[in-house]
Amino acid sequence: MGRGKIEIKRIENATNRQVTYSKRRNGIFKKAQELTVLCDAKVSLIMFSSTGKFHEFISPNISTKAFFDLYQKTTGTDLWISHYEKMQENYRRLKEINKKLRREIRQRMGGDLDDLNIKELQALEAKMDSSLVAIRDRKVRNLEERHANLVFDLETKLDQQDGIVESEGYYNEAANGASNLHALRLYQIHHPNLVLHHGGRFGSNDLRLA
């Protein structure tokens, strides 16, 4: 008995569909290899399964690049023009962004202000104010971290010197330093133009205008 004809439609069962794909793919690749050997043909096959797996066959007498170059030359088609145009557009966009950033940096340093109108100057002033607030907040957080580290160091020293009378002087000195830092932090919040310059572990602190 001869084989019955198979109805050409999508195989619903996923397992059967994958088995059929593998068998027919191998059959096509075998035919492509025979064409290459028997007829000295240049053959290229590219396949993607329904699960996204990639399979490729290309004649050993030609590279993939040479094959596509031959295809472009024969058909008069440029396969890379759209990709090149996208790269050029992306380059122009990045170049414009870089130009704007450089101009903004110069403006924040006091340059290139002649061409700005009132609204642009006000917007620049608002940006600088917000940046100044962010810098002040960061300084306050740094001061809080230093204060926390100082307290942690104090507690560690006291744990190591538990029961030693001589530690009392160290405790008083460190406690006064921590208290002064806390008071300085509160004062700086109300006077943000002041910047703390710390001179050492428990050394002197110098207040200067920012």
N, C-alpha and C. Protein backbone atom coordinates (compact mmCIF):
# COMPACT_ATOMS: atom_id res chain seq x y z
N MET A 1 0.84 -1.20 0.00
CA MET A 1 0.00 0.00 0.00
C MET A 1 0.88 1.26 0.00
N GLY A 2 0.47 2.23 -0.77
CA GLY A 2 1.22 3.47 -0.81
C GLY A 2 0.86 4.37 0.36
N ARG A 3 1.71 5.33 0.60
CA ARG A 3 1.46 6.27 1.69
C ARG A 3 0.34 7.21 1.31
N GLY A 4 -0.51 7.50 2.29
CA GLY A 4 -1.60 8.42 2.06
C GLY A 4 -1.10 9.85 2.02
N LYS A 5 -1.82 10.68 1.34
CA LYS A 5 -1.46 12.09 1.26
C LYS A 5 -1.72 12.78 2.59
N ILE A 6 -0.79 13.62 2.97
CA ILE A 6 -0.93 14.39 4.22
C ILE A 6 -1.55 15.74 3.90
N GLU A 7 -2.59 16.06 4.62
CA GLU A 7 -3.24 17.35 4.42
C GLU A 7 -2.30 18.47 4.89
N ILE A 8 -2.07 19.43 4.02
CA ILE A 8 -1.15 20.52 4.35
C ILE A 8 -1.89 21.57 5.16
N LYS A 9 -1.74 21.49 6.45
CA LYS A 9 -2.27 22.48 7.37
C LYS A 9 -1.47 22.39 8.66
N ARG A 10 -1.63 23.37 9.50
CA ARG A 10 -0.86 23.43 10.74
C ARG A 10 -1.15 22.22 11.62
N ILE A 11 -0.08 21.58 12.11
CA ILE A 11 -0.22 20.45 13.01
C ILE A 11 -0.51 20.99 14.41
N GLU A 12 -1.64 20.64 14.96
CA GLU A 12 -2.06 21.20 16.25
C GLU A 12 -1.27 20.63 17.41
N ASN A 13 -0.95 19.36 17.37
CA ASN A 13 -0.19 18.74 18.46
C ASN A 13 1.25 19.24 18.44
N ALA A 14 1.70 19.84 19.56
CA ALA A 14 3.03 20.47 19.60
C ALA A 14 4.15 19.46 19.41
N THR A 15 4.01 18.27 19.99
CA THR A 15 5.05 17.25 19.86
C THR A 15 5.17 16.78 18.42
N ASN A 16 4.02 16.47 17.81
CA ASN A 16 4.03 16.02 16.41
C ASN A 16 4.56 17.11 15.48
N ARG A 17 4.22 18.37 15.80
CA ARG A 17 4.68 19.47 14.97
C ARG A 17 6.20 19.60 15.02
N GLN A 18 6.79 19.43 16.21
CA GLN A 18 8.23 19.53 16.36
C GLN A 18 8.95 18.37 15.67
N VAL A 19 8.38 17.16 15.78
CA VAL A 19 8.98 15.99 15.13
C VAL A 19 8.97 16.18 13.61
N THR A 20 7.83 16.63 13.07
CA THR A 20 7.72 16.84 11.63
C THR A 20 8.69 17.93 11.16
N TYR A 21 8.83 18.97 11.94
CA TYR A 21 9.76 20.05 11.59
C TYR A 21 11.19 19.53 11.52
N SER A 22 11.58 18.74 12.51
CA SER A 22 12.96 18.22 12.54
C SER A 22 13.23 17.32 11.34
N LYS A 23 12.27 16.43 11.03
CA LYS A 23 12.47 15.51 9.91
C LYS A 23 12.55 16.27 8.58
N ARG A 24 11.65 17.15 8.34
CA ARG A 24 11.62 17.87 7.06
C ARG A 24 12.78 18.85 6.94
N ARG A 25 13.20 19.43 8.06
CA ARG A 25 14.38 20.32 8.03
C ARG A 25 15.60 19.53 7.61
N ASN A 26 15.79 18.36 8.20
CA ASN A 26 16.94 17.54 7.84
C ASN A 26 16.87 17.13 6.37
N GLY A 27 15.64 16.86 5.90
CA GLY A 27 15.49 16.48 4.49
C GLY A 27 15.85 17.61 3.55
N ILE A 28 15.42 18.82 3.89
CA ILE A 28 15.75 19.98 3.06
C ILE A 28 17.25 20.26 3.08
N PHE A 29 17.87 20.15 4.25
CA PHE A 29 19.31 20.38 4.34
C PHE A 29 20.07 19.33 3.52
N LYS A 30 19.58 18.11 3.51
CA LYS A 30 20.22 17.06 2.72
C LYS A 30 20.13 17.39 1.23
N LYS A 31 18.96 17.85 0.80
CA LYS A 31 18.80 18.23 -0.61
C LYS A 31 19.70 19.40 -0.97
N ALA A 32 19.83 20.36 -0.05
CA ALA A 32 20.69 21.51 -0.30
C ALA A 32 22.14 21.08 -0.43
N GLN A 33 22.57 20.14 0.40
CA GLN A 33 23.93 19.64 0.32
C GLN A 33 24.16 18.90 -1.01
N GLU A 34 23.16 18.12 -1.45
CA GLU A 34 23.28 17.41 -2.72
C GLU A 34 23.40 18.39 -3.88
N LEU A 35 22.60 19.47 -3.84
CA LEU A 35 22.69 20.49 -4.89
C LEU A 35 24.08 21.12 -4.92
N THR A 36 24.64 21.36 -3.76
CA THR A 36 25.97 21.96 -3.69
C THR A 36 27.02 21.06 -4.31
N VAL A 37 26.95 19.76 -3.98
CA VAL A 37 27.97 18.84 -4.46
C VAL A 37 27.76 18.49 -5.93
N LEU A 38 26.54 18.11 -6.30
CA LEU A 38 26.27 17.64 -7.65
C LEU A 38 26.32 18.75 -8.69
N CYS A 39 25.81 19.91 -8.33
CA CYS A 39 25.66 20.99 -9.32
C CYS A 39 26.59 22.16 -9.09
N ASP A 40 27.46 22.08 -8.08
CA ASP A 40 28.36 23.18 -7.74
C ASP A 40 27.57 24.48 -7.51
N ALA A 41 26.39 24.33 -6.87
CA ALA A 41 25.52 25.47 -6.61
C ALA A 41 25.89 26.11 -5.26
N LYS A 42 25.53 27.36 -5.14
CA LYS A 42 25.70 28.07 -3.87
C LYS A 42 24.32 28.18 -3.23
N VAL A 43 24.16 27.53 -2.08
CA VAL A 43 22.85 27.42 -1.44
C VAL A 43 22.94 27.93 -0.02
N SER A 44 21.92 28.69 0.39
CA SER A 44 21.82 29.17 1.76
C SER A 44 20.39 28.99 2.24
N LEU A 45 20.23 28.37 3.40
CA LEU A 45 18.91 28.16 4.00
C LEU A 45 18.94 28.69 5.42
N ILE A 46 17.92 29.45 5.78
CA ILE A 46 17.78 29.98 7.15
C ILE A 46 16.40 29.61 7.64
N MET A 47 16.33 29.01 8.83
CA MET A 47 15.04 28.58 9.37
C MET A 47 14.92 28.98 10.84
N PHE A 48 13.69 29.33 11.22
CA PHE A 48 13.34 29.55 12.62
C PHE A 48 12.14 28.67 12.94
N SER A 49 12.27 27.84 13.97
CA SER A 49 11.15 26.99 14.37
C SER A 49 10.10 27.81 15.08
N SER A 50 8.95 27.19 15.36
CA SER A 50 7.88 27.90 16.07
C SER A 50 8.28 28.25 17.49
N THR A 51 9.32 27.59 18.02
CA THR A 51 9.81 27.90 19.36
C THR A 51 10.95 28.91 19.33
N GLY A 52 11.29 29.39 18.11
CA GLY A 52 12.32 30.42 18.00
C GLY A 52 13.73 29.90 17.81
N LYS A 53 13.90 28.57 17.65
CA LYS A 53 15.25 28.03 17.45
C LYS A 53 15.71 28.31 16.02
N PHE A 54 16.99 28.65 15.90
CA PHE A 54 17.57 29.05 14.62
C PHE A 54 18.37 27.90 14.02
N HIS A 55 18.14 27.63 12.73
CA HIS A 55 18.90 26.62 12.01
C HIS A 55 19.33 27.20 10.67
N GLU A 56 20.54 26.86 10.24
CA GLU A 56 21.08 27.45 9.01
C GLU A 56 21.92 26.43 8.26
N PHE A 57 21.84 26.50 6.96
CA PHE A 57 22.75 25.74 6.09
C PHE A 57 23.28 26.68 5.03
N ILE A 58 24.57 26.59 4.78
CA ILE A 58 25.16 27.37 3.70
C ILE A 58 26.22 26.50 3.04
N SER A 59 26.32 26.61 1.75
CA SER A 59 27.29 25.80 1.00
C SER A 59 28.71 26.09 1.50
N PRO A 60 29.52 25.06 1.65
CA PRO A 60 30.89 25.27 2.15
C PRO A 60 31.78 26.04 1.19
N ASN A 61 31.36 26.23 -0.05
CA ASN A 61 32.20 26.94 -1.01
C ASN A 61 31.94 28.44 -1.03
N ILE A 62 31.18 28.96 -0.04
CA ILE A 62 30.91 30.40 0.04
C ILE A 62 30.61 30.78 1.48
N SER A 63 31.01 31.98 1.85
CA SER A 63 30.71 32.47 3.20
C SER A 63 29.36 33.17 3.22
N THR A 64 28.83 33.38 4.43
CA THR A 64 27.53 34.04 4.56
C THR A 64 27.59 35.45 3.99
N LYS A 65 28.67 36.19 4.32
CA LYS A 65 28.80 37.56 3.81
C LYS A 65 28.89 37.58 2.28
N ALA A 66 29.71 36.67 1.74
CA ALA A 66 29.84 36.63 0.29
C ALA A 66 28.52 36.26 -0.38
N PHE A 67 27.75 35.42 0.29
CA PHE A 67 26.45 35.01 -0.27
C PHE A 67 25.50 36.20 -0.36
N PHE A 68 25.44 37.00 0.74
CA PHE A 68 24.55 38.16 0.74
C PHE A 68 25.06 39.25 -0.20
N ASP A 69 26.39 39.38 -0.31
CA ASP A 69 26.94 40.34 -1.27
C ASP A 69 26.55 39.96 -2.70
N LEU A 70 26.60 38.66 -2.98
CA LEU A 70 26.20 38.17 -4.30
C LEU A 70 24.71 38.40 -4.54
N TYR A 71 23.91 38.20 -3.50
CA TYR A 71 22.47 38.44 -3.61
C TYR A 71 22.18 39.91 -3.92
N GLN A 72 22.87 40.83 -3.21
CA GLN A 72 22.66 42.26 -3.44
C GLN A 72 23.09 42.67 -4.85
N LYS A 73 24.22 42.13 -5.29
CA LYS A 73 24.72 42.47 -6.62
C LYS A 73 23.78 41.96 -7.71
N THR A 74 23.24 40.77 -7.52
CA THR A 74 22.39 40.16 -8.54
C THR A 74 21.03 40.83 -8.62
N THR A 75 20.45 41.15 -7.45
CA THR A 75 19.10 41.72 -7.41
C THR A 75 19.09 43.24 -7.40
N GLY A 76 20.26 43.85 -7.19
CA GLY A 76 20.30 45.32 -7.11
C GLY A 76 19.66 45.85 -5.84
N THR A 77 19.69 45.03 -4.79
CA THR A 77 19.07 45.40 -3.51
C THR A 77 20.15 45.71 -2.48
N ASP A 78 19.95 46.77 -1.72
CA ASP A 78 20.86 47.11 -0.62
C ASP A 78 20.22 46.69 0.69
N LEU A 79 20.73 45.61 1.26
CA LEU A 79 20.14 45.07 2.48
C LEU A 79 20.49 45.90 3.72
N TRP A 80 21.53 46.72 3.62
CA TRP A 80 22.02 47.41 4.81
C TRP A 80 21.64 48.88 4.87
N ILE A 81 20.98 49.40 3.84
CA ILE A 81 20.71 50.84 3.79
C ILE A 81 19.83 51.29 4.94
N SER A 82 18.79 50.50 5.25
CA SER A 82 17.90 50.90 6.35
C SER A 82 18.63 50.87 7.68
N HIS A 83 19.49 49.86 7.88
CA HIS A 83 20.27 49.78 9.12
C HIS A 83 21.25 50.95 9.21
N TYR A 84 21.88 51.29 8.09
CA TYR A 84 22.82 52.41 8.07
C TYR A 84 22.11 53.73 8.39
N GLU A 85 20.93 53.91 7.83
CA GLU A 85 20.17 55.13 8.09
C GLU A 85 19.78 55.24 9.56
N LYS A 86 19.42 54.12 10.17
CA LYS A 86 19.09 54.14 11.60
C LYS A 86 20.30 54.50 12.44
N MET A 87 21.46 53.95 12.05
CA MET A 87 22.69 54.29 12.78
C MET A 87 23.02 55.77 12.64
N GLN A 88 22.82 56.32 11.45
CA GLN A 88 23.10 57.74 11.23
C GLN A 88 22.15 58.61 12.04
N GLU A 89 20.89 58.23 12.09
CA GLU A 89 19.91 58.99 12.86
C GLU A 89 20.23 58.93 14.35
N ASN A 90 20.63 57.77 14.83
CA ASN A 90 20.99 57.63 16.24
C ASN A 90 22.24 58.45 16.55
N TYR A 91 23.19 58.48 15.62
CA TYR A 91 24.41 59.29 15.80
C TYR A 91 24.07 60.78 15.88
N ARG A 92 23.19 61.25 15.00
CA ARG A 92 22.79 62.67 15.02
C ARG A 92 22.08 63.01 16.33
N ARG A 93 21.24 62.08 16.81
CA ARG A 93 20.51 62.33 18.06
C ARG A 93 21.48 62.43 19.24
N LEU A 94 22.43 61.51 19.33
CA LEU A 94 23.41 61.54 20.41
C LEU A 94 24.31 62.77 20.33
N LYS A 95 24.65 63.18 19.11
CA LYS A 95 25.47 64.37 18.93
C LYS A 95 24.74 65.62 19.41
N GLU A 96 23.43 65.70 19.14
CA GLU A 96 22.64 66.84 19.58
C GLU A 96 22.50 66.86 21.10
N ILE A 97 22.31 65.69 21.70
CA ILE A 97 22.23 65.61 23.16
C ILE A 97 23.54 66.06 23.79
N ASN A 98 24.66 65.61 23.24
CA ASN A 98 25.97 66.00 23.76
C ASN A 98 26.17 67.51 23.64
N LYS A 99 25.72 68.10 22.53
CA LYS A 99 25.85 69.54 22.32
C LYS A 99 25.04 70.31 23.36
N LYS A 100 23.82 69.84 23.64
CA LYS A 100 22.97 70.52 24.63
C LYS A 100 23.56 70.41 26.03
N LEU A 101 24.09 69.24 26.37
CA LEU A 101 24.68 69.06 27.70
C LEU A 101 25.90 69.96 27.89
N ARG A 102 26.74 70.05 26.86
CA ARG A 102 27.92 70.91 26.96
C ARG A 102 27.50 72.38 27.12
N ARG A 103 26.47 72.79 26.39
CA ARG A 103 25.99 74.16 26.48
C ARG A 103 25.41 74.44 27.87
N GLU A 104 24.68 73.46 28.40
CA GLU A 104 24.11 73.64 29.74
C GLU A 104 25.20 73.75 30.79
N ILE A 105 26.27 72.96 30.65
CA ILE A 105 27.38 73.05 31.59
C ILE A 105 28.03 74.43 31.54
N ARG A 106 28.25 74.93 30.33
CA ARG A 106 28.84 76.27 30.19
C ARG A 106 27.93 77.34 30.80
N GLN A 107 26.62 77.20 30.62
CA GLN A 107 25.69 78.18 31.18
C GLN A 107 25.70 78.15 32.70
N ARG A 108 25.79 76.97 33.27
CA ARG A 108 25.83 76.88 34.73
C ARG A 108 27.13 77.44 35.29
N MET A 109 28.14 77.54 34.43
CA MET A 109 29.40 78.15 34.86
C MET A 109 29.46 79.63 34.48
N GLY A 110 28.35 80.17 33.97
CA GLY A 110 28.28 81.59 33.68
C GLY A 110 28.55 81.99 32.25
N GLY A 111 28.67 81.02 31.35
CA GLY A 111 28.93 81.33 29.95
C GLY A 111 27.72 81.10 29.07
N ASP A 112 27.78 81.60 27.83
CA ASP A 112 26.71 81.42 26.84
C ASP A 112 25.33 81.87 27.36
N LEU A 113 25.30 83.01 28.06
CA LEU A 113 24.03 83.49 28.62
C LEU A 113 23.40 84.60 27.77
N ASP A 114 24.16 85.14 26.80
CA ASP A 114 23.67 86.30 26.05
C ASP A 114 22.44 85.99 25.21
N ASP A 115 22.35 84.78 24.72
CA ASP A 115 21.24 84.43 23.82
C ASP A 115 20.00 83.93 24.57
N LEU A 116 20.04 83.89 25.88
CA LEU A 116 18.91 83.38 26.66
C LEU A 116 17.90 84.49 26.93
N ASN A 117 16.62 84.16 26.82
CA ASN A 117 15.59 85.13 27.18
C ASN A 117 15.25 85.00 28.67
N ILE A 118 14.27 85.79 29.12
CA ILE A 118 13.94 85.82 30.55
C ILE A 118 13.50 84.45 31.05
N LYS A 119 12.62 83.79 30.29
CA LYS A 119 12.11 82.48 30.73
C LYS A 119 13.24 81.46 30.82
N GLU A 120 14.15 81.49 29.86
CA GLU A 120 15.26 80.54 29.88
C GLU A 120 16.20 80.83 31.04
N LEU A 121 16.42 82.11 31.33
CA LEU A 121 17.25 82.45 32.48
C LEU A 121 16.60 82.02 33.79
N GLN A 122 15.27 82.22 33.88
CA GLN A 122 14.56 81.77 35.08
C GLN A 122 14.61 80.26 35.24
N ALA A 123 14.48 79.54 34.11
CA ALA A 123 14.56 78.08 34.17
C ALA A 123 15.95 77.62 34.60
N LEU A 124 16.98 78.29 34.10
CA LEU A 124 18.35 77.97 34.49
C LEU A 124 18.56 78.24 35.98
N GLU A 125 18.02 79.36 36.45
CA GLU A 125 18.13 79.69 37.87
C GLU A 125 17.44 78.63 38.73
N ALA A 126 16.27 78.16 38.28
CA ALA A 126 15.54 77.13 39.03
C ALA A 126 16.34 75.83 39.09
N LYS A 127 16.98 75.46 37.97
CA LYS A 127 17.80 74.25 37.96
C LYS A 127 18.98 74.37 38.92
N MET A 128 19.60 75.55 38.94
CA MET A 128 20.74 75.75 39.84
C MET A 128 20.30 75.72 41.29
N ASP A 129 19.11 76.27 41.58
CA ASP A 129 18.60 76.23 42.95
C ASP A 129 18.32 74.80 43.39
N SER A 130 17.71 74.02 42.51
CA SER A 130 17.43 72.62 42.86
C SER A 130 18.72 71.84 43.05
N SER A 131 19.73 72.14 42.23
CA SER A 131 21.02 71.47 42.39
C SER A 131 21.67 71.85 43.71
N LEU A 132 21.53 73.12 44.10
CA LEU A 132 22.09 73.58 45.36
C LEU A 132 21.41 72.89 46.54
N VAL A 133 20.09 72.73 46.46
CA VAL A 133 19.36 72.02 47.52
C VAL A 133 19.83 70.57 47.62
N ALA A 134 20.04 69.93 46.46
CA ALA A 134 20.50 68.54 46.47
C ALA A 134 21.88 68.43 47.10
N ILE A 135 22.75 69.40 46.81
CA ILE A 135 24.10 69.38 47.39
C ILE A 135 24.04 69.57 48.90
N ARG A 136 23.18 70.48 49.35
CA ARG A 136 23.05 70.70 50.79
C ARG A 136 22.51 69.46 51.49
N ASP A 137 21.52 68.81 50.87
CA ASP A 137 20.96 67.59 51.45
C ASP A 137 22.03 66.51 51.55
N ARG A 138 22.87 66.41 50.51
CA ARG A 138 23.93 65.41 50.53
C ARG A 138 24.94 65.70 51.63
N LYS A 139 25.24 66.98 51.86
CA LYS A 139 26.17 67.34 52.94
C LYS A 139 25.58 66.99 54.29
N VAL A 140 24.28 67.22 54.46
CA VAL A 140 23.63 66.87 55.73
C VAL A 140 23.66 65.37 55.96
N ARG A 141 23.40 64.60 54.89
CA ARG A 141 23.44 63.14 55.03
C ARG A 141 24.85 62.66 55.37
N ASN A 142 25.85 63.28 54.76
CA ASN A 142 27.23 62.92 55.08
C ASN A 142 27.55 63.20 56.53
N LEU A 143 27.04 64.34 57.03
CA LEU A 143 27.27 64.69 58.43
C LEU A 143 26.58 63.70 59.36
N GLU A 144 25.37 63.27 58.99
CA GLU A 144 24.65 62.28 59.79
C GLU A 144 25.41 60.95 59.81
N GLU A 145 25.98 60.56 58.67
CA GLU A 145 26.74 59.32 58.62
C GLU A 145 27.99 59.41 59.50
N ARG A 146 28.65 60.56 59.46
CA ARG A 146 29.83 60.74 60.31
C ARG A 146 29.46 60.69 61.77
N HIS A 147 28.33 61.28 62.10
CA HIS A 147 27.86 61.26 63.48
C HIS A 147 27.55 59.84 63.93
N ALA A 148 26.88 59.06 63.06
CA ALA A 148 26.55 57.68 63.38
C ALA A 148 27.82 56.84 63.54
N ASN A 149 28.80 57.06 62.67
CA ASN A 149 30.06 56.33 62.78
C ASN A 149 30.80 56.68 64.06
N LEU A 150 30.72 57.94 64.45
CA LEU A 150 31.37 58.38 65.68
C LEU A 150 30.74 57.71 66.90
N VAL A 151 29.40 57.65 66.91
CA VAL A 151 28.71 56.99 68.03
C VAL A 151 29.03 55.51 68.06
N PHE A 152 29.06 54.87 66.89
CA PHE A 152 29.37 53.44 66.83
C PHE A 152 30.78 53.18 67.33
N ASP A 153 31.73 54.05 66.94
CA ASP A 153 33.12 53.91 67.37
C ASP A 153 33.22 54.09 68.88
N LEU A 154 32.45 55.03 69.41
CA LEU A 154 32.44 55.26 70.85
C LEU A 154 31.94 54.04 71.61
N GLU A 155 30.82 53.46 71.13
CA GLU A 155 30.26 52.29 71.80
C GLU A 155 31.21 51.11 71.73
N THR A 156 31.92 50.96 70.59
CA THR A 156 32.88 49.87 70.46
C THR A 156 34.03 50.03 71.43
N LYS A 157 34.54 51.27 71.57
CA LYS A 157 35.63 51.53 72.51
C LYS A 157 35.21 51.25 73.94
N LEU A 158 33.98 51.65 74.29
CA LEU A 158 33.50 51.44 75.65
C LEU A 158 33.31 49.96 75.94
N ASP A 159 32.85 49.19 74.93
CA ASP A 159 32.70 47.74 75.13
C ASP A 159 34.05 47.08 75.36
N GLN A 160 35.08 47.58 74.66
CA GLN A 160 36.42 47.02 74.82
C GLN A 160 37.05 47.40 76.15
N GLN A 161 36.65 48.55 76.70
CA GLN A 161 37.26 49.05 77.94
C GLN A 161 36.27 49.00 79.10
N ASP A 162 35.36 48.05 79.03
CA ASP A 162 34.34 47.92 80.06
C ASP A 162 34.99 47.67 81.42
N GLY A 163 34.66 48.54 82.40
CA GLY A 163 35.17 48.37 83.76
C GLY A 163 36.46 49.11 84.03
N ILE A 164 37.05 49.73 83.00
CA ILE A 164 38.30 50.46 83.22
C ILE A 164 37.98 51.90 83.56
N VAL A 165 38.46 52.40 84.66
CA VAL A 165 38.13 53.75 85.13
C VAL A 165 38.67 54.79 84.17
N GLU A 166 39.85 54.50 83.53
CA GLU A 166 40.46 55.50 82.67
C GLU A 166 39.59 55.81 81.46
N SER A 167 38.62 54.98 81.15
CA SER A 167 37.79 55.22 79.98
C SER A 167 36.82 56.37 80.18
N GLU A 168 36.66 56.82 81.43
CA GLU A 168 35.70 57.90 81.70
C GLU A 168 36.06 59.17 80.95
N GLY A 169 37.36 59.51 80.96
CA GLY A 169 37.77 60.71 80.25
C GLY A 169 37.55 60.59 78.76
N TYR A 170 37.83 59.40 78.22
CA TYR A 170 37.59 59.18 76.78
C TYR A 170 36.11 59.29 76.46
N TYR A 171 35.27 58.73 77.36
CA TYR A 171 33.82 58.78 77.12
C TYR A 171 33.32 60.22 77.12
N ASN A 172 33.78 61.01 78.08
CA ASN A 172 33.33 62.41 78.14
C ASN A 172 33.77 63.18 76.90
N GLU A 173 35.01 62.93 76.45
CA GLU A 173 35.51 63.64 75.28
C GLU A 173 34.72 63.27 74.03
N ALA A 174 34.50 61.96 73.85
CA ALA A 174 33.77 61.50 72.67
C ALA A 174 32.32 61.92 72.70
N ALA A 175 31.71 61.86 73.88
CA ALA A 175 30.31 62.25 74.01
C ALA A 175 30.11 63.72 73.69
N ASN A 176 31.07 64.55 74.18
CA ASN A 176 30.99 65.98 73.87
C ASN A 176 31.14 66.20 72.36
N GLY A 177 32.04 65.43 71.72
CA GLY A 177 32.22 65.57 70.28
C GLY A 177 30.96 65.19 69.52
N ALA A 178 30.30 64.09 69.94
CA ALA A 178 29.08 63.65 69.27
C ALA A 178 27.96 64.66 69.48
N SER A 179 27.89 65.20 70.70
CA SER A 179 26.85 66.19 70.97
C SER A 179 27.06 67.45 70.15
N ASN A 180 28.34 67.85 70.02
CA ASN A 180 28.63 69.06 69.24
C ASN A 180 28.28 68.86 67.76
N LEU A 181 28.57 67.66 67.25
CA LEU A 181 28.23 67.38 65.85
C LEU A 181 26.73 67.41 65.64
N HIS A 182 25.98 66.85 66.60
CA HIS A 182 24.52 66.86 66.47
C HIS A 182 23.97 68.28 66.50
N ALA A 183 24.50 69.09 67.41
CA ALA A 183 24.06 70.48 67.49
C ALA A 183 24.44 71.24 66.23
N LEU A 184 25.64 70.96 65.71
CA LEU A 184 26.08 71.62 64.48
C LEU A 184 25.19 71.24 63.31
N ARG A 185 24.76 69.97 63.25
CA ARG A 185 23.87 69.53 62.18
C ARG A 185 22.56 70.31 62.23
N LEU A 186 21.97 70.46 63.41
CA LEU A 186 20.73 71.21 63.54
C LEU A 186 20.91 72.66 63.14
N TYR A 187 22.06 73.24 63.52
CA TYR A 187 22.32 74.63 63.18
C TYR A 187 22.50 74.80 61.68
N GLN A 188 23.14 73.80 61.05
CA GLN A 188 23.39 73.90 59.61
C GLN A 188 22.10 73.80 58.82
N ILE A 189 21.14 73.04 59.30
CA ILE A 189 19.86 72.92 58.61
C ILE A 189 19.18 74.28 58.52
N HIS A 190 19.28 75.07 59.56
CA HIS A 190 18.67 76.41 59.57
C HIS A 190 19.58 77.46 58.92
N HIS A 191 20.87 77.11 58.74
CA HIS A 191 21.81 78.03 58.08
C HIS A 191 22.56 77.22 57.01
N PRO A 192 21.90 76.96 55.89
CA PRO A 192 22.47 76.06 54.87
C PRO A 192 23.71 76.58 54.18
N ASN A 193 24.03 77.84 54.32
CA ASN A 193 25.22 78.38 53.67
C ASN A 193 26.49 78.06 54.43
N LEU A 194 26.35 77.40 55.58
CA LEU A 194 27.51 77.03 56.37
C LEU A 194 27.94 75.62 56.00
N VAL A 195 29.26 75.44 55.85
CA VAL A 195 29.79 74.13 55.49
C VAL A 195 30.76 73.70 56.59
N LEU A 196 30.66 72.43 57.00
CA LEU A 196 31.52 71.91 58.05
C LEU A 196 32.82 71.40 57.46
N HIS A 197 33.97 71.85 58.02
CA HIS A 197 35.27 71.31 57.67
C HIS A 197 35.82 70.63 58.91
N HIS A 198 35.83 69.27 58.91
CA HIS A 198 36.22 68.51 60.08
C HIS A 198 37.72 68.34 60.11
N GLY A 199 38.33 68.59 61.21
CA GLY A 199 39.77 68.57 61.31
C GLY A 199 40.35 67.30 61.85
N GLY A 200 39.57 66.32 62.22
CA GLY A 200 40.12 65.09 62.77
C GLY A 200 39.03 64.28 63.43
N ARG A 201 39.46 63.20 64.12
CA ARG A 201 38.47 62.31 64.72
C ARG A 201 37.64 63.01 65.77
N PHE A 202 38.30 63.65 66.70
CA PHE A 202 37.59 64.49 67.67
C PHE A 202 38.21 65.88 67.66
N GLY A 203 38.74 66.26 66.50
CA GLY A 203 39.43 67.54 66.40
C GLY A 203 38.48 68.69 66.23
N SER A 204 39.06 69.82 65.89
CA SER A 204 38.26 71.03 65.76
C SER A 204 37.45 71.00 64.50
N ASN A 205 36.28 71.68 64.51
CA ASN A 205 35.43 71.82 63.35
C ASN A 205 35.41 73.28 62.92
N ASP A 206 35.54 73.49 61.64
CA ASP A 206 35.63 74.85 61.11
C ASP A 206 34.38 75.14 60.30
N LEU A 207 33.64 76.20 60.61
CA LEU A 207 32.44 76.60 59.89
C LEU A 207 32.81 77.68 58.90
N ARG A 208 32.44 77.43 57.63
CA ARG A 208 32.69 78.42 56.59
C ARG A 208 31.45 78.56 55.73
N LEU A 209 31.33 79.73 55.10
CA LEU A 209 30.20 79.94 54.18
C LEU A 209 30.41 79.10 52.93
N ALA A 210 29.30 78.45 52.45
CA ALA A 210 29.37 77.63 51.23
C ALA A 210 29.56 78.54 50.02
